[in-house]
Amino acid sequence: MEKIQINTEFIKLDAFLKFAALVGTGGEAKMVISDGMVKVNGETCTMRGKKLRAGDEVEFAGQTLLVEQA
């Protein structure tokens, strides 16, 4: 599991996918989220504005990432 550090209280799911370099663009992030390809804490999430906080796990494309507070 890879750990991704954020410097803010939260980060939105679509921004997190771009920040972690899992997708190249915001449009791509929107598409994979709306297509149900992303899981947050083990559950499929289709809300691209979902607020992720330290301790949340994101699964996408066979990778699991842990959100950490910097």
Protein backbone atom coordinates (compact mmCIF):
# COMPACT_ATOMS: atom_id res chain seq x y z
CA MET A 1 0.00 0.00 0.00
CA GLU A 2 1.39 3.35 -1.05
CA LYS A 3 1.01 6.34 1.29
CA ILE A 4 0.16 9.75 -0.17
CA GLN A 5 0.66 12.78 2.08
CA ILE A 6 -1.62 15.79 1.89
CA ASN A 7 -0.97 19.20 3.47
CA THR A 8 -4.63 20.14 3.93
CA GLU A 9 -7.47 18.90 6.15
CA PHE A 10 -9.01 17.05 3.20
CA ILE A 11 -8.68 16.54 -0.56
CA LYS A 12 -11.47 15.81 -3.00
CA LEU A 13 -11.42 12.41 -4.67
CA ASP A 14 -10.94 13.67 -8.23
CA ALA A 15 -8.08 15.94 -7.15
CA PHE A 16 -6.52 13.06 -5.20
CA LEU A 17 -6.45 10.81 -8.27
CA LYS A 18 -4.59 13.53 -10.19
CA PHE A 19 -2.31 14.35 -7.22
CA ALA A 20 -1.33 10.68 -6.86
CA ALA A 21 -0.71 10.47 -10.65
CA LEU A 22 -3.29 7.70 -11.11
CA VAL A 23 -4.95 9.71 -13.90
CA GLY A 24 -3.61 12.40 -16.19
CA THR A 25 -6.48 14.88 -16.27
CA GLY A 26 -9.50 16.01 -14.31
CA GLY A 27 -11.72 14.75 -17.11
CA GLU A 28 -10.20 11.29 -16.85
CA ALA A 29 -10.70 11.37 -13.06
CA LYS A 30 -14.35 12.34 -13.51
CA MET A 31 -14.86 9.49 -15.98
CA VAL A 32 -13.30 6.70 -13.90
CA ILE A 33 -15.17 7.86 -10.78
CA SER A 34 -18.55 8.08 -12.52
CA ASP A 35 -17.94 4.66 -14.11
CA GLY A 36 -17.61 3.13 -10.62
CA MET A 37 -13.96 2.17 -11.02
CA VAL A 38 -12.81 3.76 -7.74
CA LYS A 39 -13.32 2.47 -4.20
CA VAL A 40 -13.00 4.50 -1.02
CA ASN A 41 -12.59 2.51 2.19
CA GLY A 42 -13.69 -0.66 0.38
CA GLU A 43 -16.89 0.77 -1.14
CA THR A 44 -17.42 1.92 -4.72
CA CYS A 45 -17.61 5.72 -4.78
CA THR A 46 -19.16 7.71 -7.63
CA MET A 47 -18.95 11.14 -5.95
CA ARG A 48 -15.99 12.97 -7.45
CA GLY A 49 -16.24 15.64 -4.74
CA LYS A 50 -15.96 13.07 -1.92
CA LYS A 51 -13.72 14.55 0.79
CA LEU A 52 -10.83 12.29 1.68
CA ARG A 53 -9.16 12.69 5.04
CA ALA A 54 -6.14 11.10 6.73
CA GLY A 55 -6.71 7.36 7.16
CA ASP A 56 -8.93 6.91 4.09
CA GLU A 57 -7.96 4.23 1.57
CA VAL A 58 -8.49 4.64 -2.17
CA GLU A 59 -8.42 1.68 -4.57
CA PHE A 60 -8.06 2.15 -8.31
CA ALA A 61 -6.47 0.18 -11.15
CA GLY A 62 -5.13 -2.52 -8.83
CA GLN A 63 -3.47 -0.04 -6.49
CA THR A 64 -4.40 0.84 -2.92
CA LEU A 65 -3.37 4.24 -1.61
CA LEU A 66 -3.55 5.51 1.97
CA VAL A 67 -4.22 9.21 2.62
CA GLU A 68 -1.83 10.58 5.25
CA GLN A 69 -1.59 13.99 6.88
CA ALA A 70 1.80 15.61 6.22
